[in-house]
Amino acid sequence: MFKLTCSILLLIAPLGCLGSQRLPPEAYIQAHDPRRHPYVIGVSDVIQIDVWKNPNLSTEAPVRPDGTITMPLVGDLRAAGKTTGQLKNEIARWIQNYVKNTVVTVAVKEVNSYRFKVTGNVENTGVFSARSYVTVSEAIALAGGPNRYADSDAVVILRVSSDGHIRRIPIDYDGILNGKHPEQDIVVLSGDNIHVP
């Protein structure tokens, strides 16, 4: 019985400590901040393409689930995963075959691809979308804030890395609010799951 109890405690103990693990402040300060980089177009965004003095070529195009848009004369182009500058250059190369000395501008008219989840002990769990990037505290506020059962100093962001692994980023939400850990109020990335235990 003693061995069984010890085994169970050894299995449970690491799980209980996950929320209490903290990263050094530099890890939060150096976290990727997409606000410092050009916006990357995503599925469901709406792109406005203007071709100077060619209203027939100008268009508003939603990015389809396969990541492509359709443009007059050019046809289908891959937009998802590119910045507006990269897409503009590609469109300009295509259009030069038909119209010489023209200027192309590309802008994101509607941001619809920025989505994240807030789960656990908040007033309203679910998938949220925003027109601009939000921080952890703003994302939790969008979910109505922690409920009375929340352990808000043990929040964790579950983030899928480029190689498919899930990274756990511990967040002391109380520390953000009381000013002890403002560096932990990092920007939420699309696809993040903010879990409030």
N, C-alpha and C. Protein backbone atom coordinates (compact mmCIF):
# COMPACT_ATOMS: atom_id res chain seq x y z
N MET A 1 0.84 -1.20 0.00
CA MET A 1 0.00 0.00 0.00
C MET A 1 0.87 1.25 0.00
N PHE A 2 1.95 1.23 0.83
CA PHE A 2 2.85 2.36 0.92
C PHE A 2 3.50 2.64 -0.44
N LYS A 3 3.94 1.54 -1.14
CA LYS A 3 4.57 1.70 -2.45
C LYS A 3 3.60 2.29 -3.46
N LEU A 4 2.34 1.83 -3.42
CA LEU A 4 1.32 2.33 -4.33
C LEU A 4 1.07 3.81 -4.10
N THR A 5 0.96 4.21 -2.83
CA THR A 5 0.73 5.62 -2.49
C THR A 5 1.90 6.48 -2.96
N CYS A 6 3.12 6.02 -2.72
CA CYS A 6 4.30 6.77 -3.16
C CYS A 6 4.34 6.90 -4.67
N SER A 7 3.97 5.83 -5.37
CA SER A 7 3.96 5.87 -6.84
C SER A 7 2.96 6.89 -7.35
N ILE A 8 1.77 6.92 -6.74
CA ILE A 8 0.74 7.87 -7.16
C ILE A 8 1.22 9.29 -6.89
N LEU A 9 1.83 9.53 -5.72
CA LEU A 9 2.34 10.86 -5.40
C LEU A 9 3.41 11.30 -6.38
N LEU A 10 4.29 10.38 -6.78
CA LEU A 10 5.33 10.72 -7.74
C LEU A 10 4.75 11.07 -9.10
N LEU A 11 3.63 10.43 -9.46
CA LEU A 11 3.00 10.75 -10.74
C LEU A 11 2.26 12.07 -10.68
N ILE A 12 1.62 12.37 -9.54
CA ILE A 12 0.82 13.59 -9.42
C ILE A 12 1.68 14.81 -9.17
N ALA A 13 2.75 14.67 -8.40
CA ALA A 13 3.56 15.81 -8.00
C ALA A 13 4.03 16.67 -9.17
N PRO A 14 4.58 16.08 -10.26
CA PRO A 14 5.01 16.94 -11.37
C PRO A 14 3.86 17.71 -12.00
N LEU A 15 2.67 17.12 -12.03
CA LEU A 15 1.53 17.82 -12.62
C LEU A 15 1.15 19.03 -11.79
N GLY A 16 1.20 18.88 -10.48
CA GLY A 16 0.85 19.99 -9.61
C GLY A 16 1.85 21.12 -9.69
N CYS A 17 3.08 20.82 -10.05
CA CYS A 17 4.13 21.84 -10.08
C CYS A 17 4.19 22.59 -11.42
N LEU A 18 3.48 22.09 -12.42
CA LEU A 18 3.60 22.71 -13.74
C LEU A 18 3.23 24.18 -13.73
N GLY A 19 2.17 24.53 -13.04
CA GLY A 19 1.74 25.92 -13.02
C GLY A 19 2.69 26.81 -12.25
N SER A 20 3.44 26.25 -11.29
CA SER A 20 4.30 27.06 -10.46
C SER A 20 5.68 27.29 -11.08
N GLN A 21 6.03 26.55 -12.13
CA GLN A 21 7.31 26.76 -12.78
C GLN A 21 7.30 28.11 -13.47
N ARG A 22 8.37 28.85 -13.34
CA ARG A 22 8.47 30.17 -13.96
C ARG A 22 9.67 30.21 -14.87
N LEU A 23 9.55 30.97 -15.91
CA LEU A 23 10.68 31.22 -16.79
C LEU A 23 11.38 32.48 -16.30
N PRO A 24 12.66 32.65 -16.62
CA PRO A 24 13.32 33.89 -16.23
C PRO A 24 12.69 35.07 -16.97
N PRO A 25 12.71 36.27 -16.38
CA PRO A 25 12.08 37.44 -17.01
C PRO A 25 12.54 37.67 -18.45
N GLU A 26 13.82 37.35 -18.75
CA GLU A 26 14.33 37.57 -20.11
C GLU A 26 13.58 36.73 -21.14
N ALA A 27 13.12 35.55 -20.73
CA ALA A 27 12.40 34.67 -21.66
C ALA A 27 11.11 35.32 -22.12
N TYR A 28 10.45 36.05 -21.23
CA TYR A 28 9.21 36.74 -21.61
C TYR A 28 9.52 37.98 -22.44
N ILE A 29 10.56 38.70 -22.04
CA ILE A 29 10.93 39.93 -22.75
C ILE A 29 11.35 39.62 -24.18
N GLN A 30 12.00 38.46 -24.37
CA GLN A 30 12.49 38.08 -25.70
C GLN A 30 11.46 37.27 -26.50
N ALA A 31 10.27 37.08 -25.95
CA ALA A 31 9.24 36.31 -26.67
C ALA A 31 8.89 37.01 -27.99
N HIS A 32 8.52 36.21 -28.97
CA HIS A 32 8.16 36.74 -30.28
C HIS A 32 7.00 37.71 -30.17
N ASP A 33 7.19 38.91 -30.68
CA ASP A 33 6.14 39.94 -30.68
C ASP A 33 5.81 40.26 -32.14
N PRO A 34 4.69 39.74 -32.65
CA PRO A 34 4.36 39.95 -34.06
C PRO A 34 4.10 41.42 -34.40
N ARG A 35 3.89 42.26 -33.40
CA ARG A 35 3.66 43.69 -33.66
C ARG A 35 4.93 44.37 -34.17
N ARG A 36 6.07 43.73 -33.98
CA ARG A 36 7.34 44.30 -34.44
C ARG A 36 7.74 43.82 -35.84
N HIS A 37 6.88 43.03 -36.45
CA HIS A 37 7.18 42.44 -37.75
C HIS A 37 6.01 42.71 -38.71
N PRO A 38 6.26 42.64 -40.02
CA PRO A 38 5.14 42.79 -40.96
C PRO A 38 4.08 41.72 -40.73
N TYR A 39 2.83 42.11 -40.90
CA TYR A 39 1.72 41.19 -40.71
C TYR A 39 1.78 40.07 -41.75
N VAL A 40 1.55 38.85 -41.30
CA VAL A 40 1.51 37.69 -42.20
C VAL A 40 0.06 37.34 -42.47
N ILE A 41 -0.31 37.33 -43.74
CA ILE A 41 -1.69 37.07 -44.16
C ILE A 41 -2.08 35.65 -43.80
N GLY A 42 -3.34 35.50 -43.36
CA GLY A 42 -3.84 34.18 -42.99
C GLY A 42 -5.16 33.86 -43.67
N VAL A 43 -5.59 32.63 -43.52
CA VAL A 43 -6.87 32.18 -44.09
C VAL A 43 -8.00 32.99 -43.48
N SER A 44 -8.95 33.39 -44.31
CA SER A 44 -10.15 34.18 -43.97
C SER A 44 -9.91 35.68 -43.93
N ASP A 45 -8.64 36.12 -44.01
CA ASP A 45 -8.40 37.56 -44.12
C ASP A 45 -8.95 38.05 -45.46
N VAL A 46 -9.27 39.33 -45.53
CA VAL A 46 -9.74 39.93 -46.79
C VAL A 46 -8.68 40.91 -47.26
N ILE A 47 -8.24 40.72 -48.49
CA ILE A 47 -7.15 41.51 -49.06
C ILE A 47 -7.70 42.51 -50.07
N GLN A 48 -7.24 43.75 -49.97
CA GLN A 48 -7.60 44.78 -50.96
C GLN A 48 -6.40 44.99 -51.88
N ILE A 49 -6.61 44.75 -53.17
CA ILE A 49 -5.55 44.92 -54.16
C ILE A 49 -5.95 46.05 -55.10
N ASP A 50 -5.10 47.06 -55.20
CA ASP A 50 -5.36 48.20 -56.10
C ASP A 50 -4.26 48.29 -57.13
N VAL A 51 -4.68 48.36 -58.39
CA VAL A 51 -3.74 48.53 -59.50
C VAL A 51 -4.00 49.93 -60.05
N TRP A 52 -2.99 50.78 -59.96
CA TRP A 52 -3.14 52.19 -60.32
C TRP A 52 -3.63 52.36 -61.76
N LYS A 53 -4.70 53.16 -61.88
CA LYS A 53 -5.33 53.47 -63.17
C LYS A 53 -5.89 52.24 -63.88
N ASN A 54 -6.12 51.16 -63.15
CA ASN A 54 -6.71 49.95 -63.73
C ASN A 54 -7.77 49.40 -62.78
N PRO A 55 -8.93 50.07 -62.70
CA PRO A 55 -9.97 49.61 -61.78
C PRO A 55 -10.47 48.20 -62.08
N ASN A 56 -10.34 47.76 -63.33
CA ASN A 56 -10.78 46.40 -63.68
C ASN A 56 -9.88 45.32 -63.08
N LEU A 57 -8.64 45.69 -62.76
CA LEU A 57 -7.72 44.74 -62.15
C LEU A 57 -7.74 44.83 -60.62
N SER A 58 -8.21 45.95 -60.11
CA SER A 58 -8.28 46.11 -58.66
C SER A 58 -9.40 45.23 -58.12
N THR A 59 -9.18 44.67 -56.94
CA THR A 59 -10.17 43.74 -56.39
C THR A 59 -10.05 43.63 -54.88
N GLU A 60 -11.11 43.14 -54.29
CA GLU A 60 -11.12 42.77 -52.88
C GLU A 60 -11.26 41.25 -52.84
N ALA A 61 -10.31 40.57 -52.22
CA ALA A 61 -10.28 39.11 -52.31
C ALA A 61 -10.16 38.47 -50.92
N PRO A 62 -11.12 37.58 -50.58
CA PRO A 62 -10.97 36.83 -49.33
C PRO A 62 -9.97 35.68 -49.53
N VAL A 63 -9.21 35.40 -48.48
CA VAL A 63 -8.26 34.29 -48.55
C VAL A 63 -9.03 33.02 -48.23
N ARG A 64 -9.07 32.12 -49.21
CA ARG A 64 -9.84 30.88 -49.08
C ARG A 64 -9.16 29.89 -48.14
N PRO A 65 -9.87 28.83 -47.73
CA PRO A 65 -9.28 27.84 -46.82
C PRO A 65 -7.99 27.20 -47.32
N ASP A 66 -7.79 27.17 -48.64
CA ASP A 66 -6.54 26.60 -49.17
C ASP A 66 -5.42 27.64 -49.20
N GLY A 67 -5.70 28.87 -48.72
CA GLY A 67 -4.67 29.90 -48.64
C GLY A 67 -4.52 30.75 -49.87
N THR A 68 -5.39 30.57 -50.86
CA THR A 68 -5.26 31.31 -52.11
C THR A 68 -6.32 32.40 -52.25
N ILE A 69 -6.04 33.33 -53.16
CA ILE A 69 -7.00 34.36 -53.57
C ILE A 69 -7.10 34.31 -55.09
N THR A 70 -8.14 34.92 -55.62
CA THR A 70 -8.28 35.00 -57.07
C THR A 70 -8.27 36.46 -57.47
N MET A 71 -7.50 36.76 -58.51
CA MET A 71 -7.37 38.13 -59.00
C MET A 71 -7.65 38.17 -60.49
N PRO A 72 -8.37 39.20 -60.97
CA PRO A 72 -8.63 39.30 -62.40
C PRO A 72 -7.33 39.28 -63.21
N LEU A 73 -7.36 38.62 -64.33
CA LEU A 73 -6.26 38.50 -65.27
C LEU A 73 -5.14 37.58 -64.77
N VAL A 74 -4.86 37.61 -63.48
CA VAL A 74 -3.76 36.82 -62.92
C VAL A 74 -4.23 35.41 -62.56
N GLY A 75 -5.44 35.30 -62.00
CA GLY A 75 -5.96 34.01 -61.57
C GLY A 75 -5.69 33.76 -60.09
N ASP A 76 -5.42 32.52 -59.74
CA ASP A 76 -5.21 32.15 -58.33
C ASP A 76 -3.77 32.38 -57.91
N LEU A 77 -3.64 32.96 -56.71
CA LEU A 77 -2.33 33.21 -56.13
C LEU A 77 -2.34 32.76 -54.68
N ARG A 78 -1.23 32.25 -54.21
CA ARG A 78 -1.11 31.90 -52.79
C ARG A 78 -0.87 33.18 -52.00
N ALA A 79 -1.71 33.43 -50.99
CA ALA A 79 -1.58 34.63 -50.17
C ALA A 79 -1.22 34.30 -48.72
N ALA A 80 -1.81 33.22 -48.19
CA ALA A 80 -1.56 32.85 -46.79
C ALA A 80 -0.09 32.56 -46.56
N GLY A 81 0.45 33.09 -45.46
CA GLY A 81 1.84 32.88 -45.14
C GLY A 81 2.77 33.94 -45.70
N LYS A 82 2.21 34.90 -46.46
CA LYS A 82 3.02 35.98 -47.04
C LYS A 82 2.67 37.30 -46.39
N THR A 83 3.61 38.23 -46.42
CA THR A 83 3.33 39.59 -45.99
C THR A 83 2.69 40.33 -47.16
N THR A 84 2.11 41.49 -46.89
CA THR A 84 1.50 42.27 -47.98
C THR A 84 2.57 42.70 -48.98
N GLY A 85 3.78 42.98 -48.51
CA GLY A 85 4.87 43.35 -49.42
C GLY A 85 5.25 42.23 -50.36
N GLN A 86 5.32 41.01 -49.83
CA GLN A 86 5.65 39.85 -50.67
C GLN A 86 4.57 39.60 -51.71
N LEU A 87 3.30 39.71 -51.27
CA LEU A 87 2.19 39.49 -52.21
C LEU A 87 2.15 40.58 -53.27
N LYS A 88 2.40 41.82 -52.86
CA LYS A 88 2.42 42.94 -53.81
C LYS A 88 3.47 42.71 -54.89
N ASN A 89 4.67 42.29 -54.50
CA ASN A 89 5.75 42.06 -55.47
C ASN A 89 5.39 40.94 -56.44
N GLU A 90 4.75 39.88 -55.92
CA GLU A 90 4.36 38.77 -56.80
C GLU A 90 3.29 39.21 -57.80
N ILE A 91 2.30 39.97 -57.31
CA ILE A 91 1.24 40.46 -58.21
C ILE A 91 1.83 41.39 -59.26
N ALA A 92 2.73 42.28 -58.84
CA ALA A 92 3.35 43.22 -59.78
C ALA A 92 4.09 42.48 -60.88
N ARG A 93 4.80 41.39 -60.52
CA ARG A 93 5.51 40.60 -61.55
C ARG A 93 4.53 40.00 -62.56
N TRP A 94 3.41 39.48 -62.09
CA TRP A 94 2.41 38.90 -62.98
C TRP A 94 1.80 39.98 -63.88
N ILE A 95 1.46 41.10 -63.29
CA ILE A 95 0.76 42.15 -64.05
C ILE A 95 1.67 42.79 -65.10
N GLN A 96 2.99 42.83 -64.84
CA GLN A 96 3.92 43.41 -65.81
C GLN A 96 3.84 42.70 -67.16
N ASN A 97 3.37 41.45 -67.17
CA ASN A 97 3.21 40.72 -68.44
C ASN A 97 2.10 41.30 -69.30
N TYR A 98 1.16 42.03 -68.65
CA TYR A 98 -0.01 42.55 -69.36
C TYR A 98 -0.07 44.07 -69.39
N VAL A 99 0.36 44.70 -68.30
CA VAL A 99 0.28 46.15 -68.19
C VAL A 99 1.63 46.67 -67.74
N LYS A 100 2.24 47.52 -68.56
CA LYS A 100 3.57 48.04 -68.24
C LYS A 100 3.47 49.27 -67.35
N ASN A 101 4.52 49.49 -66.55
CA ASN A 101 4.66 50.69 -65.71
C ASN A 101 3.43 50.98 -64.86
N THR A 102 3.04 50.02 -64.09
CA THR A 102 1.89 50.23 -63.20
C THR A 102 2.32 50.04 -61.76
N VAL A 103 1.53 50.58 -60.87
CA VAL A 103 1.82 50.49 -59.44
C VAL A 103 0.74 49.65 -58.77
N VAL A 104 1.17 48.71 -57.94
CA VAL A 104 0.24 47.83 -57.22
C VAL A 104 0.37 48.10 -55.72
N THR A 105 -0.77 48.19 -55.05
CA THR A 105 -0.77 48.26 -53.59
C THR A 105 -1.62 47.12 -53.05
N VAL A 106 -1.18 46.56 -51.93
CA VAL A 106 -1.90 45.46 -51.29
C VAL A 106 -2.06 45.81 -49.81
N ALA A 107 -3.27 45.68 -49.32
CA ALA A 107 -3.54 45.95 -47.90
C ALA A 107 -4.48 44.88 -47.36
N VAL A 108 -4.37 44.62 -46.07
CA VAL A 108 -5.29 43.70 -45.41
C VAL A 108 -6.49 44.54 -44.96
N LYS A 109 -7.62 44.31 -45.60
CA LYS A 109 -8.83 45.08 -45.28
C LYS A 109 -9.52 44.56 -44.03
N GLU A 110 -9.56 43.25 -43.89
CA GLU A 110 -10.17 42.62 -42.71
C GLU A 110 -9.25 41.52 -42.18
N VAL A 111 -8.95 41.60 -40.89
CA VAL A 111 -8.16 40.55 -40.24
C VAL A 111 -9.14 39.57 -39.60
N ASN A 112 -9.22 38.39 -40.16
CA ASN A 112 -10.12 37.35 -39.64
C ASN A 112 -9.38 36.09 -39.20
N SER A 113 -8.07 36.03 -39.49
CA SER A 113 -7.32 34.80 -39.22
C SER A 113 -6.72 34.76 -37.82
N TYR A 114 -6.74 35.88 -37.10
CA TYR A 114 -6.14 35.92 -35.77
C TYR A 114 -7.14 35.38 -34.76
N ARG A 115 -6.94 34.10 -34.37
CA ARG A 115 -7.85 33.43 -33.45
C ARG A 115 -7.06 32.72 -32.36
N PHE A 116 -7.61 32.69 -31.18
CA PHE A 116 -6.98 32.00 -30.05
C PHE A 116 -8.08 31.50 -29.12
N LYS A 117 -7.70 30.56 -28.24
CA LYS A 117 -8.68 29.99 -27.29
C LYS A 117 -8.35 30.44 -25.88
N VAL A 118 -9.41 30.63 -25.10
CA VAL A 118 -9.25 30.82 -23.66
C VAL A 118 -10.11 29.74 -23.01
N THR A 119 -9.47 28.87 -22.21
CA THR A 119 -10.17 27.74 -21.62
C THR A 119 -9.97 27.74 -20.10
N GLY A 120 -10.72 26.88 -19.45
CA GLY A 120 -10.56 26.71 -18.01
C GLY A 120 -11.52 27.57 -17.21
N ASN A 121 -11.04 28.08 -16.10
CA ASN A 121 -11.88 28.82 -15.15
C ASN A 121 -11.95 30.31 -15.46
N VAL A 122 -12.61 30.61 -16.58
CA VAL A 122 -12.95 31.98 -16.94
C VAL A 122 -14.46 32.06 -17.12
N GLU A 123 -14.97 33.27 -17.17
CA GLU A 123 -16.43 33.42 -17.28
C GLU A 123 -16.98 32.89 -18.60
N ASN A 124 -16.25 33.07 -19.69
CA ASN A 124 -16.73 32.65 -21.01
C ASN A 124 -15.59 31.99 -21.78
N THR A 125 -15.53 30.66 -21.77
CA THR A 125 -14.50 29.97 -22.54
C THR A 125 -14.88 29.99 -24.01
N GLY A 126 -13.89 29.81 -24.86
CA GLY A 126 -14.18 29.71 -26.28
C GLY A 126 -13.05 30.19 -27.16
N VAL A 127 -13.36 30.27 -28.44
CA VAL A 127 -12.42 30.77 -29.44
C VAL A 127 -12.72 32.25 -29.64
N PHE A 128 -11.67 33.05 -29.60
CA PHE A 128 -11.82 34.49 -29.72
C PHE A 128 -11.03 34.99 -30.93
N SER A 129 -11.50 36.09 -31.47
CA SER A 129 -10.83 36.73 -32.60
C SER A 129 -10.72 38.21 -32.28
N ALA A 130 -9.69 38.84 -32.80
CA ALA A 130 -9.51 40.27 -32.58
C ALA A 130 -8.97 40.89 -33.86
N ARG A 131 -9.22 42.18 -34.02
CA ARG A 131 -8.75 42.90 -35.22
C ARG A 131 -7.28 43.26 -35.12
N SER A 132 -6.75 43.26 -33.88
CA SER A 132 -5.33 43.52 -33.69
C SER A 132 -4.82 42.58 -32.60
N TYR A 133 -3.51 42.46 -32.49
CA TYR A 133 -2.92 41.55 -31.52
C TYR A 133 -3.27 41.98 -30.10
N VAL A 134 -3.52 40.98 -29.24
CA VAL A 134 -3.83 41.25 -27.84
C VAL A 134 -2.79 40.56 -26.96
N THR A 135 -2.68 41.05 -25.73
CA THR A 135 -1.78 40.44 -24.76
C THR A 135 -2.57 39.42 -23.94
N VAL A 136 -1.87 38.69 -23.07
CA VAL A 136 -2.52 37.68 -22.24
C VAL A 136 -3.63 38.30 -21.40
N SER A 137 -3.35 39.43 -20.75
CA SER A 137 -4.36 40.05 -19.89
C SER A 137 -5.58 40.50 -20.70
N GLU A 138 -5.34 40.99 -21.91
CA GLU A 138 -6.46 41.41 -22.76
C GLU A 138 -7.28 40.21 -23.21
N ALA A 139 -6.60 39.10 -23.53
CA ALA A 139 -7.31 37.89 -23.96
C ALA A 139 -8.19 37.35 -22.84
N ILE A 140 -7.65 37.33 -21.61
CA ILE A 140 -8.44 36.85 -20.48
C ILE A 140 -9.60 37.80 -20.20
N ALA A 141 -9.39 39.10 -20.40
CA ALA A 141 -10.49 40.07 -20.24
C ALA A 141 -11.58 39.83 -21.27
N LEU A 142 -11.19 39.47 -22.51
CA LEU A 142 -12.19 39.17 -23.54
C LEU A 142 -13.05 37.97 -23.13
N ALA A 143 -12.46 37.06 -22.34
CA ALA A 143 -13.19 35.88 -21.87
C ALA A 143 -13.96 36.18 -20.58
N GLY A 144 -14.04 37.43 -20.18
CA GLY A 144 -14.80 37.81 -18.99
C GLY A 144 -14.01 37.74 -17.71
N GLY A 145 -12.72 37.42 -17.81
CA GLY A 145 -11.87 37.35 -16.63
C GLY A 145 -11.97 36.01 -15.94
N PRO A 146 -11.06 35.78 -14.98
CA PRO A 146 -11.10 34.52 -14.22
C PRO A 146 -12.37 34.43 -13.38
N ASN A 147 -12.91 33.23 -13.24
CA ASN A 147 -14.08 33.07 -12.35
C ASN A 147 -13.59 32.82 -10.93
N ARG A 148 -14.51 32.61 -10.00
CA ARG A 148 -14.13 32.50 -8.58
C ARG A 148 -13.36 31.23 -8.26
N TYR A 149 -13.36 30.25 -9.15
CA TYR A 149 -12.64 29.00 -8.92
C TYR A 149 -11.22 29.03 -9.49
N ALA A 150 -10.86 30.10 -10.18
CA ALA A 150 -9.60 30.16 -10.92
C ALA A 150 -8.38 30.23 -10.00
N ASP A 151 -7.32 29.61 -10.46
CA ASP A 151 -6.01 29.73 -9.84
C ASP A 151 -5.21 30.63 -10.79
N SER A 152 -5.48 31.93 -10.71
CA SER A 152 -5.01 32.84 -11.75
C SER A 152 -3.52 33.16 -11.70
N ASP A 153 -2.81 32.66 -10.69
CA ASP A 153 -1.36 32.84 -10.74
C ASP A 153 -0.66 31.64 -11.38
N ALA A 154 -1.46 30.70 -11.91
CA ALA A 154 -0.90 29.49 -12.55
C ALA A 154 -1.44 29.30 -13.97
N VAL A 155 -1.70 30.41 -14.65
CA VAL A 155 -2.17 30.37 -16.04
C VAL A 155 -1.05 29.82 -16.92
N VAL A 156 -1.42 29.13 -17.98
CA VAL A 156 -0.42 28.61 -18.91
C VAL A 156 -0.89 28.85 -20.34
N ILE A 157 0.04 29.25 -21.19
CA ILE A 157 -0.24 29.35 -22.63
C ILE A 157 0.27 28.06 -23.26
N LEU A 158 -0.59 27.39 -24.01
CA LEU A 158 -0.19 26.21 -24.77
C LEU A 158 0.01 26.67 -26.21
N ARG A 159 1.23 26.63 -26.67
CA ARG A 159 1.58 27.16 -27.99
C ARG A 159 2.23 26.07 -28.82
N VAL A 160 1.71 25.86 -30.02
CA VAL A 160 2.27 24.85 -30.92
C VAL A 160 3.43 25.48 -31.69
N SER A 161 4.60 24.88 -31.56
CA SER A 161 5.78 25.40 -32.26
C SER A 161 5.77 24.96 -33.72
N SER A 162 6.69 25.50 -34.48
CA SER A 162 6.74 25.20 -35.92
C SER A 162 7.00 23.72 -36.20
N ASP A 163 7.63 23.02 -35.24
CA ASP A 163 7.89 21.59 -35.44
C ASP A 163 6.77 20.71 -34.89
N GLY A 164 5.66 21.33 -34.45
CA GLY A 164 4.49 20.58 -34.00
C GLY A 164 4.45 20.25 -32.52
N HIS A 165 5.50 20.60 -31.78
CA HIS A 165 5.51 20.34 -30.34
C HIS A 165 4.74 21.42 -29.60
N ILE A 166 4.10 21.03 -28.50
CA ILE A 166 3.36 21.99 -27.68
C ILE A 166 4.27 22.54 -26.61
N ARG A 167 4.40 23.84 -26.60
CA ARG A 167 5.22 24.52 -25.61
C ARG A 167 4.32 25.10 -24.54
N ARG A 168 4.69 24.92 -23.27
CA ARG A 168 3.93 25.46 -22.14
C ARG A 168 4.63 26.71 -21.64
N ILE A 169 3.91 27.84 -21.62
CA ILE A 169 4.47 29.10 -21.14
C ILE A 169 3.70 29.49 -19.88
N PRO A 170 4.33 29.37 -18.70
CA PRO A 170 3.62 29.72 -17.46
C PRO A 170 3.44 31.24 -17.34
N ILE A 171 2.26 31.64 -16.87
CA ILE A 171 1.92 33.05 -16.74
C ILE A 171 1.33 33.29 -15.34
N ASP A 172 1.87 34.27 -14.64
CA ASP A 172 1.31 34.69 -13.36
C ASP A 172 0.39 35.88 -13.63
N TYR A 173 -0.89 35.58 -13.89
CA TYR A 173 -1.86 36.62 -14.23
C TYR A 173 -2.00 37.63 -13.10
N ASP A 174 -2.01 37.15 -11.85
CA ASP A 174 -2.08 38.06 -10.70
C ASP A 174 -0.86 38.98 -10.70
N GLY A 175 0.31 38.42 -11.03
CA GLY A 175 1.54 39.21 -11.09
C GLY A 175 1.51 40.27 -12.17
N ILE A 176 0.79 39.99 -13.26
CA ILE A 176 0.63 41.00 -14.31
C ILE A 176 -0.22 42.15 -13.77
N LEU A 177 -1.34 41.80 -13.15
CA LEU A 177 -2.28 42.82 -12.67
C LEU A 177 -1.71 43.67 -11.54
N ASN A 178 -0.95 43.05 -10.63
CA ASN A 178 -0.43 43.84 -9.51
C ASN A 178 0.92 44.48 -9.81
N GLY A 179 1.42 44.30 -11.04
CA GLY A 179 2.65 44.97 -11.45
C GLY A 179 3.94 44.26 -11.08
N LYS A 180 3.86 43.08 -10.47
CA LYS A 180 5.08 42.35 -10.10
C LYS A 180 5.73 41.68 -11.31
N HIS A 181 4.91 41.26 -12.29
CA HIS A 181 5.44 40.57 -13.47
C HIS A 181 4.84 41.13 -14.76
N PRO A 182 5.06 42.42 -15.04
CA PRO A 182 4.49 42.98 -16.28
C PRO A 182 5.07 42.35 -17.53
N GLU A 183 6.29 41.80 -17.43
CA GLU A 183 6.94 41.19 -18.60
C GLU A 183 6.22 39.95 -19.07
N GLN A 184 5.37 39.35 -18.21
CA GLN A 184 4.65 38.14 -18.59
C GLN A 184 3.39 38.43 -19.41
N ASP A 185 3.05 39.70 -19.57
CA ASP A 185 1.88 40.06 -20.37
C ASP A 185 2.27 40.09 -21.84
N ILE A 186 2.63 38.91 -22.35
CA ILE A 186 3.15 38.79 -23.71
C ILE A 186 2.00 38.77 -24.73
N VAL A 187 2.35 38.95 -25.97
CA VAL A 187 1.36 38.96 -27.05
C VAL A 187 0.91 37.54 -27.35
N VAL A 188 -0.39 37.37 -27.46
CA VAL A 188 -0.97 36.07 -27.81
C VAL A 188 -0.83 35.87 -29.31
N LEU A 189 -0.36 34.71 -29.70
CA LEU A 189 -0.22 34.40 -31.13
C LEU A 189 -1.44 33.62 -31.61
N SER A 190 -1.69 33.71 -32.89
CA SER A 190 -2.80 32.96 -33.47
C SER A 190 -2.60 31.47 -33.22
N GLY A 191 -3.64 30.80 -32.72
CA GLY A 191 -3.56 29.38 -32.42
C GLY A 191 -3.23 29.08 -30.96
N ASP A 192 -2.88 30.10 -30.19
CA ASP A 192 -2.56 29.88 -28.77
C ASP A 192 -3.80 29.45 -28.00
N ASN A 193 -3.57 28.66 -26.95
CA ASN A 193 -4.64 28.31 -26.00
C ASN A 193 -4.19 28.83 -24.64
N ILE A 194 -4.92 29.80 -24.10
CA ILE A 194 -4.63 30.33 -22.77
C ILE A 194 -5.50 29.57 -21.80
N HIS A 195 -4.88 28.80 -20.93
CA HIS A 195 -5.65 27.96 -19.99
C HIS A 195 -5.53 28.53 -18.59
N VAL A 196 -6.69 28.80 -17.98
CA VAL A 196 -6.74 29.30 -16.62
C VAL A 196 -7.23 28.14 -15.73
N PRO A 197 -6.32 27.56 -14.91
CA PRO A 197 -6.73 26.39 -14.12
C PRO A 197 -7.71 26.76 -13.01
